[in-house]
Amino acid sequence: MLTATAKAEIIKKFEHQSGDVGSSEVQIALLTARIRDLQDHFTANKKDVHSRMGLLRMVARRRKLLKYLKSTNPTAHRQVIEQLDIRG
């Protein structure tokens, strides 16, 4: 579970201006944190199908946001991928 302080730190790191929570970079960073939390959950609960469906939805949403960011701002796309260590 993502705590409020961890969420605030992620937002502060990726925001463009104060109070920015809707930019693609912030949304991608928050989704990545939630996805990583759920990955830990699945090591202990292998048969949790409902949460797995939620995970797949989050991954698809993050992929769409990354695709949008790549088409609008390729330099920001590269920076987000490097900072979050998403792709190898």
N, C-alpha and C. Protein backbone atom coordinates (compact mmCIF):
# COMPACT_ATOMS: atom_id res chain seq x y z
N MET A 1 0.85 -1.17 0.00
CA MET A 1 0.00 0.00 0.00
C MET A 1 0.89 1.24 0.00
N LEU A 2 0.58 2.15 -0.85
CA LEU A 2 1.35 3.38 -1.00
C LEU A 2 0.91 4.37 0.07
N THR A 3 1.83 4.78 0.93
CA THR A 3 1.49 5.71 2.01
C THR A 3 1.39 7.13 1.46
N ALA A 4 0.79 7.99 2.25
CA ALA A 4 0.60 9.38 1.83
C ALA A 4 1.94 10.11 1.70
N THR A 5 2.88 9.80 2.58
CA THR A 5 4.19 10.46 2.50
C THR A 5 4.96 10.00 1.27
N ALA A 6 4.89 8.71 0.97
CA ALA A 6 5.57 8.20 -0.22
C ALA A 6 4.96 8.79 -1.48
N LYS A 7 3.64 8.90 -1.49
CA LYS A 7 2.95 9.48 -2.64
C LYS A 7 3.34 10.95 -2.81
N ALA A 8 3.43 11.68 -1.71
CA ALA A 8 3.81 13.09 -1.77
C ALA A 8 5.24 13.26 -2.28
N GLU A 9 6.13 12.35 -1.89
CA GLU A 9 7.52 12.41 -2.37
C GLU A 9 7.59 12.15 -3.88
N ILE A 10 6.82 11.19 -4.35
CA ILE A 10 6.80 10.89 -5.78
C ILE A 10 6.26 12.09 -6.55
N ILE A 11 5.19 12.68 -6.06
CA ILE A 11 4.60 13.84 -6.73
C ILE A 11 5.60 14.99 -6.76
N LYS A 12 6.27 15.23 -5.64
CA LYS A 12 7.24 16.33 -5.57
C LYS A 12 8.40 16.11 -6.53
N LYS A 13 8.80 14.87 -6.72
CA LYS A 13 9.94 14.57 -7.60
C LYS A 13 9.59 14.78 -9.07
N PHE A 14 8.36 14.49 -9.47
CA PHE A 14 8.00 14.50 -10.89
C PHE A 14 7.11 15.67 -11.30
N GLU A 15 6.71 16.53 -10.38
CA GLU A 15 5.79 17.61 -10.74
C GLU A 15 6.50 18.71 -11.53
N HIS A 16 5.73 19.40 -12.38
CA HIS A 16 6.25 20.52 -13.15
C HIS A 16 6.21 21.79 -12.31
N GLN A 17 5.12 21.99 -11.60
CA GLN A 17 4.94 23.15 -10.72
C GLN A 17 4.24 22.67 -9.46
N SER A 18 4.17 23.50 -8.46
CA SER A 18 3.59 23.11 -7.19
C SER A 18 2.12 22.71 -7.35
N GLY A 19 1.78 21.56 -6.82
CA GLY A 19 0.39 21.09 -6.88
C GLY A 19 0.05 20.32 -8.14
N ASP A 20 1.03 20.01 -8.96
CA ASP A 20 0.79 19.31 -10.22
C ASP A 20 0.68 17.81 -9.95
N VAL A 21 -0.53 17.28 -10.05
CA VAL A 21 -0.72 15.84 -9.88
C VAL A 21 -1.31 15.19 -11.12
N GLY A 22 -1.59 15.97 -12.15
CA GLY A 22 -2.26 15.43 -13.32
C GLY A 22 -1.36 15.24 -14.51
N SER A 23 -0.10 15.67 -14.43
CA SER A 23 0.78 15.52 -15.59
C SER A 23 1.08 14.04 -15.82
N SER A 24 1.44 13.74 -17.04
CA SER A 24 1.72 12.35 -17.41
C SER A 24 2.85 11.76 -16.59
N GLU A 25 3.87 12.56 -16.34
CA GLU A 25 5.02 12.07 -15.59
C GLU A 25 4.63 11.64 -14.18
N VAL A 26 3.81 12.44 -13.52
CA VAL A 26 3.37 12.13 -12.15
C VAL A 26 2.48 10.90 -12.16
N GLN A 27 1.57 10.82 -13.11
CA GLN A 27 0.68 9.66 -13.18
C GLN A 27 1.46 8.38 -13.43
N ILE A 28 2.45 8.44 -14.33
CA ILE A 28 3.26 7.26 -14.62
C ILE A 28 4.05 6.84 -13.39
N ALA A 29 4.62 7.79 -12.67
CA ALA A 29 5.39 7.47 -11.47
C ALA A 29 4.52 6.85 -10.38
N LEU A 30 3.31 7.39 -10.19
CA LEU A 30 2.41 6.82 -9.18
C LEU A 30 1.95 5.42 -9.57
N LEU A 31 1.64 5.22 -10.84
CA LEU A 31 1.24 3.88 -11.29
C LEU A 31 2.39 2.89 -11.12
N THR A 32 3.60 3.32 -11.40
CA THR A 32 4.76 2.43 -11.25
C THR A 32 4.93 2.01 -9.80
N ALA A 33 4.75 2.94 -8.87
CA ALA A 33 4.87 2.60 -7.45
C ALA A 33 3.79 1.60 -7.04
N ARG A 34 2.57 1.81 -7.51
CA ARG A 34 1.48 0.87 -7.18
C ARG A 34 1.72 -0.50 -7.80
N ILE A 35 2.24 -0.53 -9.03
CA ILE A 35 2.53 -1.80 -9.70
C ILE A 35 3.59 -2.56 -8.95
N ARG A 36 4.62 -1.87 -8.49
CA ARG A 36 5.70 -2.55 -7.74
C ARG A 36 5.19 -3.08 -6.41
N ASP A 37 4.28 -2.35 -5.77
CA ASP A 37 3.68 -2.85 -4.53
C ASP A 37 2.87 -4.11 -4.77
N LEU A 38 2.12 -4.13 -5.86
CA LEU A 38 1.32 -5.32 -6.17
C LEU A 38 2.18 -6.50 -6.56
N GLN A 39 3.32 -6.27 -7.16
CA GLN A 39 4.21 -7.38 -7.51
C GLN A 39 4.67 -8.10 -6.25
N ASP A 40 4.94 -7.35 -5.20
CA ASP A 40 5.31 -7.98 -3.93
C ASP A 40 4.14 -8.78 -3.35
N HIS A 41 2.93 -8.28 -3.54
CA HIS A 41 1.74 -8.95 -3.05
C HIS A 41 1.58 -10.31 -3.73
N PHE A 42 1.90 -10.39 -5.01
CA PHE A 42 1.69 -11.63 -5.75
C PHE A 42 2.72 -12.71 -5.43
N THR A 43 3.83 -12.36 -4.85
CA THR A 43 4.76 -13.40 -4.43
C THR A 43 4.17 -14.22 -3.28
N ALA A 44 3.38 -13.56 -2.44
CA ALA A 44 2.76 -14.25 -1.31
C ALA A 44 1.40 -14.83 -1.66
N ASN A 45 0.68 -14.21 -2.58
CA ASN A 45 -0.69 -14.62 -2.92
C ASN A 45 -0.78 -14.94 -4.41
N LYS A 46 -0.39 -16.13 -4.77
CA LYS A 46 -0.32 -16.50 -6.18
C LYS A 46 -1.69 -16.67 -6.84
N LYS A 47 -2.73 -16.96 -6.06
CA LYS A 47 -4.04 -17.24 -6.64
C LYS A 47 -5.00 -16.06 -6.59
N ASP A 48 -4.51 -14.87 -6.32
CA ASP A 48 -5.35 -13.69 -6.22
C ASP A 48 -5.63 -13.14 -7.63
N VAL A 49 -6.66 -13.66 -8.25
CA VAL A 49 -6.95 -13.34 -9.65
C VAL A 49 -7.52 -11.94 -9.79
N HIS A 50 -8.34 -11.51 -8.87
CA HIS A 50 -8.98 -10.19 -8.97
C HIS A 50 -7.95 -9.06 -8.90
N SER A 51 -6.99 -9.20 -8.01
CA SER A 51 -5.94 -8.19 -7.92
C SER A 51 -5.06 -8.23 -9.16
N ARG A 52 -4.87 -9.41 -9.72
CA ARG A 52 -4.07 -9.54 -10.93
C ARG A 52 -4.73 -8.80 -12.09
N MET A 53 -6.05 -8.84 -12.17
CA MET A 53 -6.76 -8.10 -13.22
C MET A 53 -6.56 -6.60 -13.03
N GLY A 54 -6.59 -6.14 -11.78
CA GLY A 54 -6.33 -4.73 -11.51
C GLY A 54 -4.91 -4.35 -11.90
N LEU A 55 -3.97 -5.25 -11.65
CA LEU A 55 -2.59 -5.00 -12.03
C LEU A 55 -2.46 -4.86 -13.55
N LEU A 56 -3.13 -5.73 -14.28
CA LEU A 56 -3.07 -5.66 -15.74
C LEU A 56 -3.68 -4.36 -16.25
N ARG A 57 -4.74 -3.88 -15.61
CA ARG A 57 -5.33 -2.60 -16.00
C ARG A 57 -4.36 -1.45 -15.74
N MET A 58 -3.67 -1.50 -14.61
CA MET A 58 -2.71 -0.44 -14.30
C MET A 58 -1.54 -0.45 -15.28
N VAL A 59 -1.07 -1.63 -15.64
CA VAL A 59 0.04 -1.73 -16.60
C VAL A 59 -0.40 -1.19 -17.95
N ALA A 60 -1.62 -1.51 -18.37
CA ALA A 60 -2.12 -1.00 -19.66
C ALA A 60 -2.27 0.52 -19.63
N ARG A 61 -2.75 1.04 -18.51
CA ARG A 61 -2.91 2.50 -18.39
C ARG A 61 -1.55 3.19 -18.43
N ARG A 62 -0.56 2.62 -17.73
CA ARG A 62 0.78 3.19 -17.73
C ARG A 62 1.38 3.14 -19.13
N ARG A 63 1.15 2.05 -19.86
CA ARG A 63 1.65 1.93 -21.23
C ARG A 63 1.05 3.01 -22.12
N LYS A 64 -0.25 3.26 -21.98
CA LYS A 64 -0.91 4.30 -22.77
C LYS A 64 -0.35 5.68 -22.43
N LEU A 65 -0.13 5.94 -21.15
CA LEU A 65 0.43 7.23 -20.75
C LEU A 65 1.85 7.40 -21.28
N LEU A 66 2.63 6.32 -21.27
CA LEU A 66 3.99 6.39 -21.81
C LEU A 66 3.97 6.64 -23.32
N LYS A 67 3.03 6.01 -24.00
CA LYS A 67 2.90 6.23 -25.44
C LYS A 67 2.53 7.68 -25.73
N TYR A 68 1.61 8.23 -24.96
CA TYR A 68 1.21 9.63 -25.12
C TYR A 68 2.38 10.56 -24.85
N LEU A 69 3.12 10.30 -23.78
CA LEU A 69 4.25 11.14 -23.43
C LEU A 69 5.33 11.08 -24.50
N LYS A 70 5.54 9.91 -25.08
CA LYS A 70 6.53 9.76 -26.14
C LYS A 70 6.15 10.57 -27.37
N SER A 71 4.86 10.63 -27.68
CA SER A 71 4.44 11.37 -28.86
C SER A 71 4.45 12.88 -28.64
N THR A 72 4.25 13.33 -27.39
CA THR A 72 4.20 14.76 -27.13
C THR A 72 5.54 15.34 -26.69
N ASN A 73 6.32 14.58 -25.91
CA ASN A 73 7.58 15.09 -25.37
C ASN A 73 8.57 13.93 -25.22
N PRO A 74 9.31 13.62 -26.29
CA PRO A 74 10.23 12.47 -26.25
C PRO A 74 11.34 12.59 -25.19
N THR A 75 11.82 13.80 -24.92
CA THR A 75 12.88 13.93 -23.92
C THR A 75 12.36 13.62 -22.52
N ALA A 76 11.15 14.08 -22.21
CA ALA A 76 10.56 13.76 -20.91
C ALA A 76 10.29 12.25 -20.81
N HIS A 77 9.91 11.63 -21.91
CA HIS A 77 9.67 10.19 -21.95
C HIS A 77 10.94 9.44 -21.57
N ARG A 78 12.07 9.82 -22.16
CA ARG A 78 13.34 9.16 -21.85
C ARG A 78 13.73 9.37 -20.39
N GLN A 79 13.53 10.59 -19.89
CA GLN A 79 13.88 10.88 -18.51
C GLN A 79 13.05 10.07 -17.52
N VAL A 80 11.76 9.95 -17.79
CA VAL A 80 10.88 9.19 -16.89
C VAL A 80 11.28 7.72 -16.88
N ILE A 81 11.58 7.17 -18.04
CA ILE A 81 11.98 5.77 -18.12
C ILE A 81 13.28 5.53 -17.36
N GLU A 82 14.23 6.45 -17.51
CA GLU A 82 15.50 6.30 -16.81
C GLU A 82 15.33 6.44 -15.30
N GLN A 83 14.56 7.43 -14.86
CA GLN A 83 14.39 7.66 -13.42
C GLN A 83 13.64 6.52 -12.74
N LEU A 84 12.65 5.97 -13.42
CA LEU A 84 11.85 4.91 -12.81
C LEU A 84 12.41 3.52 -13.07
N ASP A 85 13.39 3.43 -13.96
CA ASP A 85 14.01 2.15 -14.32
C ASP A 85 12.95 1.14 -14.77
N ILE A 86 12.14 1.57 -15.75
CA ILE A 86 11.04 0.75 -16.22
C ILE A 86 11.50 -0.28 -17.23
N ARG A 87 12.23 0.16 -18.24
CA ARG A 87 12.64 -0.76 -19.31
C ARG A 87 14.13 -0.99 -19.23
N GLY A 88 14.51 -2.20 -19.60
CA GLY A 88 15.93 -2.56 -19.53
C GLY A 88 16.65 -2.17 -20.73
